Amino acid sequence: MDLSLLLAIALIIALVVWLNRRQGRRKTGYRLNPENTPAPTTAPKRPVRSRTERELLRLVGGNRAVAQRLVEQVQLRNPHHSEQWCWEKAIYDIQRDRHSS
């Protein structure tokens, strides 16, 4: 075999090995270890005040499914807040949206 052909093959192999190692470091370098990551904390469960619940139900025309869906959306966006806070935030959002139009 020609010396230049052997040198070209060796160079290609070295380049492939170097690229694979570089990609391997990227993949493992930023991965979090699930055993060492702390679990997200959620706010303690307390019952929602009936006055707050009644207010949200009044704003959605008594439709409990809509009220519950609004609260669940707020909880998904703000998992560290209490359920009471989420109900109050849903009320605030409805009132804000109604007054802005």
N, C-alpha and C. Protein backbone atom coordinates (compact mmCIF):
# COMPACT_ATOMS: atom_id res chain seq x y z
N MET A 1 0.83 -1.19 0.00
CA MET A 1 0.00 0.00 0.00
C MET A 1 0.87 1.25 0.00
N ASP A 2 0.31 2.24 -0.49
CA ASP A 2 1.01 3.51 -0.57
C ASP A 2 1.04 4.16 0.81
N LEU A 3 2.10 4.81 1.18
CA LEU A 3 2.26 5.45 2.48
C LEU A 3 1.24 6.58 2.68
N SER A 4 0.94 7.33 1.65
CA SER A 4 -0.03 8.42 1.78
C SER A 4 -1.44 7.89 2.04
N LEU A 5 -1.78 6.70 1.49
CA LEU A 5 -3.08 6.09 1.74
C LEU A 5 -3.19 5.65 3.20
N LEU A 6 -2.12 5.04 3.72
CA LEU A 6 -2.11 4.62 5.13
C LEU A 6 -2.22 5.84 6.05
N LEU A 7 -1.53 6.89 5.72
CA LEU A 7 -1.57 8.11 6.52
C LEU A 7 -2.98 8.73 6.49
N ALA A 8 -3.63 8.73 5.35
CA ALA A 8 -4.99 9.26 5.23
C ALA A 8 -5.98 8.44 6.05
N ILE A 9 -5.85 7.10 6.01
CA ILE A 9 -6.74 6.23 6.79
C ILE A 9 -6.52 6.46 8.28
N ALA A 10 -5.27 6.57 8.71
CA ALA A 10 -4.97 6.81 10.12
C ALA A 10 -5.53 8.16 10.56
N LEU A 11 -5.42 9.15 9.71
CA LEU A 11 -5.95 10.48 10.04
C LEU A 11 -7.47 10.46 10.16
N ILE A 12 -8.14 9.75 9.28
CA ILE A 12 -9.61 9.64 9.34
C ILE A 12 -10.03 8.91 10.61
N ILE A 13 -9.35 7.83 10.96
CA ILE A 13 -9.68 7.08 12.18
C ILE A 13 -9.47 7.95 13.41
N ALA A 14 -8.36 8.68 13.45
CA ALA A 14 -8.08 9.56 14.58
C ALA A 14 -9.15 10.65 14.70
N LEU A 15 -9.57 11.18 13.59
CA LEU A 15 -10.61 12.22 13.59
C LEU A 15 -11.94 11.68 14.10
N VAL A 16 -12.32 10.47 13.67
CA VAL A 16 -13.57 9.86 14.11
C VAL A 16 -13.52 9.58 15.61
N VAL A 17 -12.41 9.05 16.11
CA VAL A 17 -12.26 8.77 17.54
C VAL A 17 -12.34 10.07 18.33
N TRP A 18 -11.67 11.10 17.87
CA TRP A 18 -11.67 12.38 18.57
C TRP A 18 -13.09 12.98 18.62
N LEU A 19 -13.83 12.92 17.51
CA LEU A 19 -15.19 13.45 17.48
C LEU A 19 -16.12 12.66 18.39
N ASN A 20 -15.97 11.33 18.42
CA ASN A 20 -16.80 10.52 19.30
C ASN A 20 -16.54 10.84 20.76
N ARG A 21 -15.29 11.02 21.12
CA ARG A 21 -14.97 11.37 22.51
C ARG A 21 -15.52 12.74 22.86
N ARG A 22 -15.42 13.65 21.94
CA ARG A 22 -15.91 15.01 22.18
C ARG A 22 -17.43 15.01 22.38
N GLN A 23 -18.15 14.27 21.57
CA GLN A 23 -19.60 14.18 21.72
C GLN A 23 -19.96 13.45 23.01
N GLY A 24 -19.22 12.44 23.37
CA GLY A 24 -19.49 11.70 24.60
C GLY A 24 -19.37 12.59 25.82
N ARG A 25 -18.38 13.47 25.82
CA ARG A 25 -18.22 14.39 26.95
C ARG A 25 -19.38 15.36 27.02
N ARG A 26 -19.85 15.81 25.90
CA ARG A 26 -20.98 16.74 25.87
C ARG A 26 -22.23 16.10 26.44
N LYS A 27 -22.48 14.87 26.06
CA LYS A 27 -23.69 14.19 26.51
C LYS A 27 -23.66 13.94 28.01
N THR A 28 -22.55 13.48 28.54
CA THR A 28 -22.50 13.14 29.96
C THR A 28 -22.17 14.34 30.83
N GLY A 29 -21.58 15.38 30.27
CA GLY A 29 -21.16 16.51 31.07
C GLY A 29 -22.32 17.30 31.64
N TYR A 30 -23.42 17.35 30.95
CA TYR A 30 -24.55 18.17 31.39
C TYR A 30 -25.71 17.37 31.95
N ARG A 31 -25.56 16.07 32.00
CA ARG A 31 -26.64 15.23 32.49
C ARG A 31 -26.68 15.28 34.02
N LEU A 32 -27.85 15.43 34.58
CA LEU A 32 -28.01 15.44 36.02
C LEU A 32 -28.17 14.02 36.53
N ASN A 33 -27.61 13.77 37.67
CA ASN A 33 -27.74 12.46 38.30
C ASN A 33 -29.05 12.47 39.09
N PRO A 34 -30.03 11.64 38.73
CA PRO A 34 -31.33 11.68 39.42
C PRO A 34 -31.24 11.31 40.89
N GLU A 35 -30.21 10.58 41.29
CA GLU A 35 -30.09 10.21 42.69
C GLU A 35 -29.66 11.39 43.55
N ASN A 36 -28.93 12.32 42.96
CA ASN A 36 -28.40 13.44 43.73
C ASN A 36 -29.25 14.71 43.62
N THR A 37 -30.19 14.75 42.71
CA THR A 37 -31.00 15.95 42.56
C THR A 37 -32.12 15.94 43.59
N PRO A 38 -32.34 17.06 44.25
CA PRO A 38 -33.41 17.10 45.25
C PRO A 38 -34.78 17.08 44.58
N ALA A 39 -35.71 16.44 45.24
CA ALA A 39 -37.08 16.39 44.72
C ALA A 39 -37.71 17.76 44.91
N PRO A 40 -38.53 18.22 43.97
CA PRO A 40 -39.16 19.53 44.13
C PRO A 40 -40.12 19.51 45.31
N THR A 41 -40.07 20.57 46.08
CA THR A 41 -40.95 20.64 47.24
C THR A 41 -42.25 21.31 46.83
N THR A 42 -43.32 20.85 47.39
CA THR A 42 -44.61 21.46 47.13
C THR A 42 -45.13 22.05 48.43
N ALA A 43 -46.00 22.99 48.30
CA ALA A 43 -46.57 23.63 49.48
C ALA A 43 -47.43 22.64 50.24
N PRO A 44 -47.51 22.80 51.56
CA PRO A 44 -48.33 21.89 52.35
C PRO A 44 -49.80 21.99 51.96
N LYS A 45 -50.51 20.87 52.07
CA LYS A 45 -51.93 20.83 51.70
C LYS A 45 -52.77 21.38 52.85
N ARG A 46 -53.52 22.42 52.54
CA ARG A 46 -54.48 22.99 53.49
C ARG A 46 -55.78 23.18 52.74
N PRO A 47 -56.88 23.07 53.42
CA PRO A 47 -58.15 23.26 52.72
C PRO A 47 -58.30 24.71 52.26
N VAL A 48 -58.94 24.86 51.13
CA VAL A 48 -59.20 26.19 50.57
C VAL A 48 -60.37 26.80 51.32
N ARG A 49 -60.25 28.07 51.64
CA ARG A 49 -61.35 28.75 52.34
C ARG A 49 -62.60 28.74 51.47
N SER A 50 -63.72 28.47 52.09
CA SER A 50 -64.97 28.35 51.32
C SER A 50 -65.33 29.68 50.65
N ARG A 51 -64.97 30.78 51.27
CA ARG A 51 -65.26 32.09 50.67
C ARG A 51 -64.51 32.25 49.34
N THR A 52 -63.26 31.80 49.32
CA THR A 52 -62.46 31.88 48.10
C THR A 52 -63.05 30.98 47.02
N GLU A 53 -63.43 29.79 47.43
CA GLU A 53 -64.02 28.84 46.48
C GLU A 53 -65.32 29.39 45.90
N ARG A 54 -66.16 29.95 46.75
CA ARG A 54 -67.42 30.53 46.29
C ARG A 54 -67.19 31.68 45.32
N GLU A 55 -66.18 32.51 45.61
CA GLU A 55 -65.89 33.65 44.74
C GLU A 55 -65.48 33.20 43.34
N LEU A 56 -64.60 32.21 43.26
CA LEU A 56 -64.19 31.72 41.94
C LEU A 56 -65.36 31.08 41.22
N LEU A 57 -66.16 30.30 41.93
CA LEU A 57 -67.33 29.68 41.31
C LEU A 57 -68.30 30.74 40.79
N ARG A 58 -68.47 31.82 41.53
CA ARG A 58 -69.34 32.90 41.09
C ARG A 58 -68.81 33.51 39.80
N LEU A 59 -67.48 33.69 39.73
CA LEU A 59 -66.88 34.32 38.55
C LEU A 59 -66.98 33.45 37.30
N VAL A 60 -67.03 32.13 37.48
CA VAL A 60 -67.14 31.23 36.32
C VAL A 60 -68.57 30.74 36.12
N GLY A 61 -69.51 31.41 36.74
CA GLY A 61 -70.92 31.08 36.54
C GLY A 61 -71.33 29.76 37.18
N GLY A 62 -70.67 29.39 38.26
CA GLY A 62 -71.04 28.16 38.97
C GLY A 62 -70.49 26.89 38.35
N ASN A 63 -69.69 27.00 37.32
CA ASN A 63 -69.15 25.82 36.64
C ASN A 63 -67.91 25.32 37.38
N ARG A 64 -68.10 24.28 38.19
CA ARG A 64 -67.02 23.75 39.03
C ARG A 64 -65.88 23.17 38.19
N ALA A 65 -66.19 22.58 37.05
CA ALA A 65 -65.14 22.00 36.19
C ALA A 65 -64.21 23.09 35.67
N VAL A 66 -64.78 24.21 35.28
CA VAL A 66 -63.97 25.33 34.78
C VAL A 66 -63.10 25.88 35.90
N ALA A 67 -63.69 26.05 37.08
CA ALA A 67 -62.93 26.57 38.22
C ALA A 67 -61.77 25.64 38.55
N GLN A 68 -62.03 24.35 38.58
CA GLN A 68 -60.98 23.38 38.91
C GLN A 68 -59.89 23.40 37.84
N ARG A 69 -60.27 23.51 36.59
CA ARG A 69 -59.29 23.54 35.50
C ARG A 69 -58.41 24.79 35.60
N LEU A 70 -59.00 25.92 35.92
CA LEU A 70 -58.22 27.15 36.08
C LEU A 70 -57.21 27.02 37.22
N VAL A 71 -57.66 26.45 38.33
CA VAL A 71 -56.77 26.27 39.49
C VAL A 71 -55.65 25.30 39.14
N GLU A 72 -55.97 24.23 38.43
CA GLU A 72 -54.94 23.26 38.06
C GLU A 72 -53.89 23.89 37.15
N GLN A 73 -54.31 24.76 36.24
CA GLN A 73 -53.35 25.44 35.37
C GLN A 73 -52.42 26.35 36.18
N VAL A 74 -52.99 27.03 37.16
CA VAL A 74 -52.17 27.89 38.02
C VAL A 74 -51.19 27.03 38.82
N GLN A 75 -51.66 25.88 39.32
CA GLN A 75 -50.79 25.00 40.10
C GLN A 75 -49.65 24.45 39.26
N LEU A 76 -49.91 24.16 37.99
CA LEU A 76 -48.86 23.65 37.11
C LEU A 76 -47.77 24.71 36.88
N ARG A 77 -48.19 25.96 36.76
CA ARG A 77 -47.21 27.03 36.54
C ARG A 77 -46.52 27.48 37.82
N ASN A 78 -47.14 27.21 38.98
CA ASN A 78 -46.60 27.66 40.27
C ASN A 78 -46.65 26.51 41.28
N PRO A 79 -45.84 25.48 41.12
CA PRO A 79 -45.96 24.29 41.97
C PRO A 79 -45.57 24.50 43.42
N HIS A 80 -44.86 25.58 43.73
CA HIS A 80 -44.39 25.78 45.10
C HIS A 80 -45.36 26.60 45.95
N HIS A 81 -46.48 26.99 45.37
CA HIS A 81 -47.45 27.78 46.12
C HIS A 81 -48.57 26.89 46.66
N SER A 82 -49.21 27.38 47.70
CA SER A 82 -50.30 26.62 48.32
C SER A 82 -51.53 26.60 47.41
N GLU A 83 -52.43 25.68 47.72
CA GLU A 83 -53.66 25.60 46.93
C GLU A 83 -54.50 26.86 47.11
N GLN A 84 -54.51 27.39 48.33
CA GLN A 84 -55.25 28.63 48.60
C GLN A 84 -54.73 29.75 47.70
N TRP A 85 -53.41 29.87 47.59
CA TRP A 85 -52.81 30.89 46.73
C TRP A 85 -53.23 30.69 45.28
N CYS A 86 -53.27 29.44 44.84
CA CYS A 86 -53.65 29.15 43.45
C CYS A 86 -55.09 29.55 43.17
N TRP A 87 -55.98 29.30 44.12
CA TRP A 87 -57.38 29.71 43.94
C TRP A 87 -57.46 31.24 43.86
N GLU A 88 -56.73 31.93 44.74
CA GLU A 88 -56.74 33.39 44.73
C GLU A 88 -56.14 33.94 43.44
N LYS A 89 -55.11 33.29 42.94
CA LYS A 89 -54.48 33.72 41.69
C LYS A 89 -55.44 33.53 40.51
N ALA A 90 -56.19 32.44 40.51
CA ALA A 90 -57.18 32.22 39.44
C ALA A 90 -58.24 33.32 39.47
N ILE A 91 -58.67 33.71 40.67
CA ILE A 91 -59.64 34.80 40.82
C ILE A 91 -59.04 36.10 40.29
N TYR A 92 -57.81 36.37 40.70
CA TYR A 92 -57.13 37.59 40.26
C TYR A 92 -57.00 37.63 38.74
N ASP A 93 -56.63 36.50 38.14
CA ASP A 93 -56.46 36.44 36.68
C ASP A 93 -57.77 36.73 35.95
N ILE A 94 -58.86 36.15 36.44
CA ILE A 94 -60.16 36.40 35.80
C ILE A 94 -60.54 37.87 35.91
N GLN A 95 -60.39 38.43 37.11
CA GLN A 95 -60.75 39.84 37.29
C GLN A 95 -59.86 40.75 36.45
N ARG A 96 -58.59 40.45 36.37
CA ARG A 96 -57.67 41.25 35.55
C ARG A 96 -58.06 41.18 34.08
N ASP A 97 -58.35 39.98 33.61
CA ASP A 97 -58.70 39.82 32.19
C ASP A 97 -60.03 40.50 31.85
N ARG A 98 -60.95 40.48 32.77
CA ARG A 98 -62.26 41.10 32.50
C ARG A 98 -62.17 42.62 32.50
N HIS A 99 -61.30 43.17 33.33
CA HIS A 99 -61.19 44.63 33.41
C HIS A 99 -60.32 45.21 32.30
N SER A 100 -59.49 44.37 31.69
CA SER A 100 -58.59 44.88 30.65
C SER A 100 -59.27 45.01 29.30
N SER A 101 -60.41 44.38 29.12
CA SER A 101 -61.06 44.44 27.80
C SER A 101 -62.10 45.51 27.69
